[in-house]
Protein backbone atom coordinates (compact mmCIF):
# COMPACT_ATOMS: atom_id res chain seq x y z
CA MET A 1 0.00 0.00 0.00
CA LEU A 2 2.66 2.51 1.06
CA SER A 3 4.97 1.54 -1.80
CA ARG A 4 2.20 2.12 -4.32
CA LEU A 5 1.37 5.47 -2.73
CA ALA A 6 5.02 6.49 -2.77
CA LEU A 7 5.27 5.67 -6.46
CA VAL A 8 2.13 7.68 -7.18
CA LEU A 9 3.53 10.65 -5.24
CA LEU A 10 6.84 10.49 -7.05
CA PHE A 11 5.07 10.29 -10.40
CA LEU A 12 2.86 13.29 -9.59
CA THR A 13 5.87 15.28 -8.36
CA ALA A 14 7.85 14.50 -11.51
CA ALA A 15 4.87 15.45 -13.67
CA ALA A 16 4.45 18.75 -11.82
CA VAL A 17 8.16 19.53 -12.14
CA ALA A 18 8.15 18.76 -15.87
CA LEU A 19 5.01 20.81 -16.49
CA ALA A 20 6.30 23.83 -14.60
CA TYR A 21 9.73 23.61 -16.22
CA PHE A 22 8.47 23.49 -19.80
CA THR A 23 5.76 26.10 -19.29
CA GLY A 24 8.05 28.41 -17.30
CA ILE A 25 5.69 28.51 -14.31
CA GLY A 26 7.23 28.83 -10.88
CA PHE A 27 10.85 28.19 -11.78
CA SER A 28 12.30 31.62 -12.48
CA ILE A 29 14.69 32.75 -9.79
CA PRO A 30 14.64 36.46 -8.80
CA ILE A 31 15.89 38.50 -11.75
CA GLU A 32 18.65 40.25 -9.80
CA LYS A 33 19.99 36.90 -8.63
CA ALA A 34 19.87 35.59 -12.21
CA VAL A 35 21.74 38.64 -13.54
CA LYS A 36 24.41 38.37 -10.85
CA ALA A 37 24.88 34.67 -11.61
CA ASP A 38 25.43 35.43 -15.30
CA LEU A 39 27.78 38.31 -14.51
CA ALA A 40 29.81 36.16 -12.14
CA ALA A 41 30.26 33.60 -14.91
CA ALA A 42 31.19 36.23 -17.51
CA ALA A 43 33.33 38.74 -15.61
CA SER A 44 35.84 38.35 -12.81
CA PRO A 45 36.93 41.20 -10.51
CA SER A 46 40.21 41.48 -12.44
CA LEU A 47 38.35 41.84 -15.76
CA ILE A 48 36.14 44.61 -14.38
CA ASN A 49 39.23 46.37 -13.05
CA GLN A 50 40.84 46.14 -16.51
CA LYS A 51 37.68 47.60 -18.05
CA ILE A 52 37.84 50.61 -15.70
CA ILE A 53 41.54 51.21 -16.36
CA GLY A 54 41.07 50.87 -20.13
CA ALA A 55 38.24 53.42 -20.10
CA LEU A 56 40.32 55.89 -18.08
CA GLU A 57 43.25 55.51 -20.47
CA ARG A 58 41.08 56.47 -23.44
CA ASP A 59 39.51 59.29 -21.38
CA ASP A 60 36.08 57.65 -21.45
CA ILE A 61 34.82 58.64 -18.01
CA GLU A 62 31.29 57.37 -18.68
CA ASP A 63 32.58 53.86 -19.38
CA ALA A 64 34.84 53.94 -16.33
CA ASP A 65 31.89 54.92 -14.13
CA LEU A 66 29.74 52.24 -15.76
CA TYR A 67 32.12 49.41 -14.88
CA PHE A 68 32.68 50.83 -11.42
CA GLU A 69 28.90 50.55 -10.92
CA ILE A 70 29.09 46.93 -12.08
CA ALA A 71 31.83 46.30 -9.51
CA LYS A 72 29.67 47.74 -6.73
CA PHE A 73 26.67 45.73 -7.92
CA MET A 74 28.74 42.52 -7.74
CA ASN A 75 30.50 43.51 -4.49
CA TYR A 76 33.85 43.25 -6.27
CA GLU A 77 36.81 44.95 -4.58
CA ILE A 78 38.61 47.41 -6.87
CA PRO A 79 42.34 48.11 -6.25
CA LYS A 80 43.10 51.39 -4.49
CA GLU A 81 45.27 52.65 -7.34
CA THR A 82 42.35 52.28 -9.76
CA LEU A 83 40.05 54.15 -7.39
CA THR A 84 42.63 56.93 -7.12
CA LYS A 85 42.79 57.30 -10.91
CA LEU A 86 39.00 57.38 -11.08
CA ASP A 87 38.85 60.11 -8.43
CA GLU A 88 41.46 62.14 -10.29
CA ALA A 89 39.41 61.94 -13.48
CA HIS A 90 36.49 63.39 -11.54
CA THR A 91 38.36 66.31 -10.03
CA LEU A 92 36.52 69.60 -10.44
CA SER A 93 39.03 71.27 -12.75
CA ALA A 94 39.25 68.31 -15.14
CA THR A 95 35.50 67.86 -15.22
CA VAL A 96 34.67 71.53 -15.81
CA VAL A 97 37.14 71.96 -18.67
CA ARG A 98 36.13 68.71 -20.36
CA ASN A 99 32.39 69.28 -20.01
CA ALA A 100 32.48 72.92 -21.16
CA TRP A 101 34.37 72.05 -24.34
CA GLU A 102 32.25 69.02 -25.16
CA PHE A 103 28.96 70.83 -24.49
CA SER A 104 29.83 73.78 -26.75
CA GLU A 105 30.97 71.43 -29.53
CA GLY A 106 27.77 69.41 -29.26
CA PHE A 107 25.61 72.54 -29.30
CA ALA A 108 27.34 73.89 -32.40
CA THR A 109 27.51 70.66 -34.44
CA GLY A 110 24.67 68.53 -33.11
CA GLN A 111 27.17 65.72 -32.48
CA GLY A 112 28.83 64.27 -29.41
CA ASN A 113 29.79 61.09 -27.59
CA SER A 114 29.95 62.13 -23.94
CA ASN A 115 27.08 63.17 -21.70
CA ALA A 116 28.15 66.80 -21.99
CA GLY A 117 28.50 66.65 -25.77
CA ILE A 118 25.13 64.96 -26.28
CA ALA A 119 23.57 67.40 -23.79
CA GLY A 120 24.83 70.25 -25.96
CA ALA A 121 23.38 68.68 -29.11
CA VAL A 122 20.03 68.04 -27.44
CA SER A 123 19.93 71.57 -25.97
CA SER A 124 20.32 73.12 -29.42
CA ASP A 125 17.37 71.09 -30.66
CA LEU A 126 15.20 71.87 -27.65
CA THR A 127 15.62 75.58 -28.40
CA VAL A 128 14.57 74.93 -32.08
CA VAL A 129 17.99 76.17 -33.23
CA GLY A 130 19.04 72.64 -34.13
CA ASP A 131 15.86 71.74 -35.99
CA VAL A 132 15.93 74.89 -38.12
CA ARG A 133 19.65 74.43 -38.77
CA ASP A 134 19.12 70.84 -39.89
CA ILE A 135 16.11 71.61 -42.10
CA ALA A 136 18.12 74.32 -43.87
CA ALA A 137 21.22 72.13 -44.19
CA GLU A 138 19.60 68.84 -45.22
CA GLY A 139 16.92 70.57 -47.30
CA SER A 140 19.56 72.49 -49.27
CA LYS A 141 21.40 69.23 -50.00
CA LEU A 142 18.16 67.61 -51.18
CA LEU A 143 17.36 70.48 -53.54
CA ALA A 144 20.93 70.48 -54.88
CA GLY A 145 20.76 66.77 -55.63
CA GLN A 146 23.41 65.97 -53.03
CA GLU A 147 23.44 63.15 -50.51
CA TYR A 148 21.32 64.07 -47.51
CA SER A 149 19.80 62.40 -44.45
CA GLU A 150 16.10 61.85 -44.96
CA LEU A 151 15.85 60.77 -41.33
CA VAL A 152 17.45 63.92 -39.89
CA LEU A 153 15.39 66.13 -42.20
CA GLY A 154 12.13 64.41 -41.31
CA LEU A 155 12.85 64.32 -37.58
CA SER A 156 13.68 68.04 -37.64
CA VAL A 157 10.26 68.82 -39.11
CA VAL A 158 8.60 66.59 -36.51
CA GLY A 159 10.75 68.31 -33.89
CA LEU A 160 9.45 71.77 -34.74
CA GLY A 161 5.91 70.43 -34.48
CA ALA A 162 6.73 68.82 -31.13
CA THR A 163 8.19 72.12 -29.90
CA ALA A 164 4.95 73.87 -30.78
CA ALA A 165 3.01 71.13 -29.00
CA THR A 166 5.26 71.47 -25.96
CA ILE A 167 4.55 75.18 -25.74
CA ALA A 168 0.82 74.68 -26.30
CA THR A 169 0.44 71.92 -23.71
CA GLY A 170 2.80 73.36 -21.11
CA GLY A 171 5.45 70.68 -21.56
CA GLY A 172 3.55 67.64 -22.84
CA GLY A 173 5.90 67.08 -25.78
CA VAL A 174 9.20 67.26 -23.88
CA VAL A 175 9.80 63.49 -23.79
CA VAL A 176 9.08 63.13 -27.51
CA LYS A 177 11.26 66.15 -28.30
CA ALA A 178 14.14 64.65 -26.35
CA GLY A 179 13.72 61.40 -28.29
CA ILE A 180 13.91 63.28 -31.60
CA SER A 181 17.08 65.10 -30.62
CA LEU A 182 18.71 61.90 -29.42
CA MET A 183 17.86 60.09 -32.66
CA LYS A 184 19.40 62.86 -34.71
CA ALA A 185 22.56 62.82 -32.61
CA ALA A 186 22.71 59.02 -32.85
CA ARG A 187 22.29 59.16 -36.63
CA ARG A 188 25.15 61.63 -36.98
CA SER A 189 27.36 59.59 -34.67
CA GLY A 190 26.71 56.37 -36.60
CA LYS A 191 25.24 54.71 -33.50
CA LEU A 192 21.95 53.57 -35.09
CA THR A 193 21.77 50.05 -36.43
CA LYS A 194 20.90 49.79 -40.12
CA GLU A 195 17.62 48.02 -39.35
CA PHE A 196 16.43 50.53 -36.76
CA ALA A 197 17.48 53.51 -38.91
CA GLU A 198 15.53 52.14 -41.89
CA GLY A 199 12.42 51.59 -39.76
CA LEU A 200 12.62 55.08 -38.27
CA THR A 201 13.13 56.63 -41.70
CA ARG A 202 10.01 54.92 -43.08
CA MET A 203 7.88 56.08 -40.15
CA THR A 204 9.28 59.61 -40.30
CA SER A 205 8.78 59.94 -44.04
CA GLU A 206 5.15 58.86 -43.68
CA ALA A 207 4.65 61.26 -40.78
CA VAL A 208 5.89 64.35 -42.63
CA ASN A 209 4.50 63.48 -46.10
CA MET A 210 7.85 63.61 -47.87
CA PRO A 211 6.52 64.57 -51.36
CA LEU A 212 4.72 67.58 -49.87
CA LEU A 213 7.77 68.41 -47.79
CA ARG A 214 9.91 68.58 -50.93
CA GLN A 215 7.49 71.02 -52.50
CA THR A 216 7.55 73.21 -49.39
CA LEU A 217 11.35 73.18 -49.34
CA ARG A 218 11.47 74.35 -52.98
CA SER A 219 9.18 77.27 -52.21
CA THR A 220 11.10 78.41 -49.12
CA ASP A 221 14.25 80.55 -48.93
CA LEU A 222 16.33 78.26 -46.72
CA THR A 223 19.01 80.89 -46.28
CA ASP A 224 16.51 82.95 -44.29
CA LEU A 225 16.45 80.99 -41.03
CA THR A 226 13.71 83.13 -39.46
CA LYS A 227 11.38 82.45 -42.39
CA THR A 228 12.42 78.79 -42.44
CA GLN A 229 11.49 78.46 -38.78
CA ARG A 230 8.09 80.09 -39.32
CA VAL A 231 7.21 78.01 -42.39
CA PHE A 232 8.20 74.66 -40.95
CA SER A 233 6.82 75.33 -37.49
CA ASP A 234 3.45 75.72 -39.19
CA TYR A 235 4.13 72.66 -41.37
CA GLY A 236 5.20 70.61 -38.32
CA ARG A 237 1.85 71.10 -36.60
CA ASN A 238 0.20 68.98 -39.32
CA VAL A 239 2.53 65.97 -39.28
CA ARG A 240 0.93 62.57 -38.65
CA ALA A 241 3.31 60.99 -36.15
CA ALA A 242 1.01 58.46 -34.45
CA LYS A 243 3.36 55.56 -35.26
CA LEU A 244 6.50 57.52 -34.49
CA VAL A 245 5.57 59.10 -31.17
CA PRO A 246 5.54 55.86 -29.08
CA VAL A 247 9.05 55.00 -30.32
CA LEU A 248 10.38 58.47 -29.56
CA GLY A 249 8.64 58.43 -26.20
CA ARG A 250 10.33 55.12 -25.33
CA ILE A 251 13.70 56.59 -26.21
CA GLY A 252 12.88 59.61 -24.07
CA ASP A 253 12.07 57.28 -21.18
CA ILE A 254 15.47 55.59 -21.47
CA ASN A 255 17.11 59.02 -21.55
CA SER A 256 15.30 59.99 -18.35
CA THR A 257 16.75 56.91 -16.66
CA VAL A 258 20.37 56.74 -17.85
CA GLY A 259 21.10 60.07 -19.55
CA PRO A 260 21.64 61.07 -23.20
CA ALA A 261 25.07 59.62 -23.93
CA GLU A 262 24.24 56.24 -22.41
CA THR A 263 20.94 56.16 -24.32
CA ILE A 264 22.77 56.59 -27.62
CA ARG A 265 25.33 53.93 -26.73
CA LEU A 266 22.55 51.49 -25.91
CA LEU A 267 21.03 51.92 -29.37
CA LYS A 268 23.57 49.51 -30.81
CA TYR A 269 21.41 46.78 -29.27
CA VAL A 270 18.25 48.00 -31.00
CA LYS A 271 17.11 46.70 -34.37
CA THR A 272 13.35 46.51 -33.79
CA GLY A 273 10.68 48.03 -31.60
CA GLU A 274 10.76 44.89 -29.46
CA ASN A 275 14.50 45.35 -28.90
CA LEU A 276 13.82 48.95 -27.84
CA ASP A 277 11.27 47.74 -25.30
CA ASP A 278 13.79 45.20 -23.97
CA VAL A 279 16.45 47.87 -23.52
CA ALA A 280 13.95 50.22 -21.86
CA ASP A 281 12.88 47.48 -19.44
CA MET A 282 16.52 46.69 -18.64
CA THR A 283 17.38 50.32 -17.89
CA LYS A 284 14.28 50.75 -15.78
CA ARG A 285 15.42 47.82 -13.64
CA PHE A 286 19.21 48.24 -13.58
CA GLY A 287 19.79 51.89 -14.54
CA ILE A 288 23.27 52.94 -15.58
CA ARG A 289 24.56 49.38 -15.14
CA SER A 290 22.41 48.09 -18.00
CA ARG A 291 24.88 48.42 -20.88
CA GLY A 292 27.64 46.81 -18.84
CA ILE A 293 25.36 43.87 -18.05
CA MET A 294 24.47 43.51 -21.73
CA GLU A 295 28.06 43.74 -22.95
CA LEU A 296 29.44 41.32 -20.41
CA THR A 297 26.70 38.67 -20.57
CA GLY A 298 25.58 39.06 -24.19
CA LYS A 299 21.95 39.28 -23.06
CA THR A 300 19.72 42.24 -23.86
CA ALA A 301 16.33 41.23 -22.41
CA LEU A 302 15.20 40.54 -18.86
CA ARG A 303 13.35 37.43 -20.06
CA SER A 304 16.63 35.92 -21.29
CA PHE A 305 17.95 36.00 -17.72
CA LYS A 306 14.75 34.52 -16.34
CA THR A 307 14.76 31.57 -18.72
CA SER A 308 18.41 30.84 -18.04
CA SER A 309 17.64 29.35 -14.62
CA LYS A 310 17.66 25.57 -14.59
CA VAL A 311 15.21 23.30 -12.83
CA ILE A 312 18.05 21.95 -10.69
CA ASP A 313 18.50 25.42 -9.16
CA TRP A 314 14.88 25.48 -8.10
CA MET A 315 14.97 21.88 -6.88
CA ALA A 316 18.08 22.57 -4.81
CA ALA A 317 16.43 25.52 -3.14
CA SER A 318 13.19 23.62 -2.54
CA ILE A 319 14.37 20.10 -1.69
CA THR A 320 13.64 20.49 2.01
CA GLY A 321 10.10 21.56 1.29
CA PHE A 322 9.62 18.67 -1.13
CA GLY A 323 10.93 16.18 1.38
CA ALA A 324 8.68 17.47 4.14
CA TRP A 325 5.69 17.39 1.80
CA ILE A 326 6.27 13.79 0.71
CA VAL A 327 7.04 12.56 4.25
CA GLY A 328 3.90 14.27 5.51
CA LEU A 329 1.72 12.59 2.91
CA LEU A 330 3.28 9.19 3.58
CA ALA A 331 2.77 9.65 7.33
CA LEU A 332 -0.86 10.61 6.75
CA ALA A 333 -1.40 7.56 4.55
CA ALA A 334 0.26 5.30 7.14
CA THR A 335 -1.92 6.73 9.91
CA ARG A 336 -5.07 6.15 7.91
CA GLY A 337 -3.99 2.58 7.12
CA LEU A 338 -3.34 1.87 10.80
CA ARG A 339 -6.77 3.21 11.74
CA ARG A 340 -8.42 0.96 9.16
CA ARG A 341 -6.62 -2.13 10.48
CA ARG A 342 -7.61 -1.32 14.05
CA SER A 343 -11.18 -0.75 12.94
CA ASN A 344 -11.22 -4.09 11.08
CA ALA A 345 -9.71 -5.89 14.07
CA ARG A 346 -12.43 -4.56 16.37
CA ALA A 347 -15.08 -5.62 13.92
């Protein structure tokens, strides 16, 4: 009797384990634990230290800070000499000089790689200077039959419309406007993947009605920036950006979490809208550490960490509970059997 019951219990347990494992129910370990496990397998303390030193040697303070955050996340001890170099890179004089130069360059050219440089590029767009500049520059190339960026031109028109919407709604278009500026900076810096750039260009061209935009460009004196701003601010209010706005908003959300430069660097992992959602979810959970986690582990989505846990991990953590459950059921069955025999003996 007990042996048959034990076999039934074991069969039911095995069936439950198999069902949960293959359906993904109940076996995912906490995501932070899963990420740390993958990081531990991919990056030792010495490797993280080398990453920090390498970033400092190429004057990439953002990367150095990123890997220092990874070290703190993993409770890795960083050598004192590395910490000293990192502190020196963050001294007030070095930071002020570097940031001032990079910001002004970004503001003037719309390009940059550091937080300060990207901040300058984004600031010029947020004050409409960048959008008008880019419409005049890219529009003139188009009319002259030269190579131009359809994406930058289209986004600039959408940007002027978003600026008008921001003013009208008291700030409602700020996130979208930030996304536009970041996409333009990423396009100039060559940070957009081919697939994502092509998708954005299609959506932008549809939004601004590119044939009509060409006609408007031909009828506008693009050397007169004041007139250009007036004409295309009016034009921008009529763009149909329903498909584009959610994408730009998502990019703006990432920017709000990790900053402009890190947002642009993360775009190398984005080929589709689904990839963008994955990156946004990662940054929402792990902040500035996200790109380091992706680069070191090769994983770009939270679900990829969840599904990496093996059933043996769950079994190991739950074996005591399983044992107590099975023993309890066997004891209950034995007690019931004993009661039946006593009852039969009395009868």
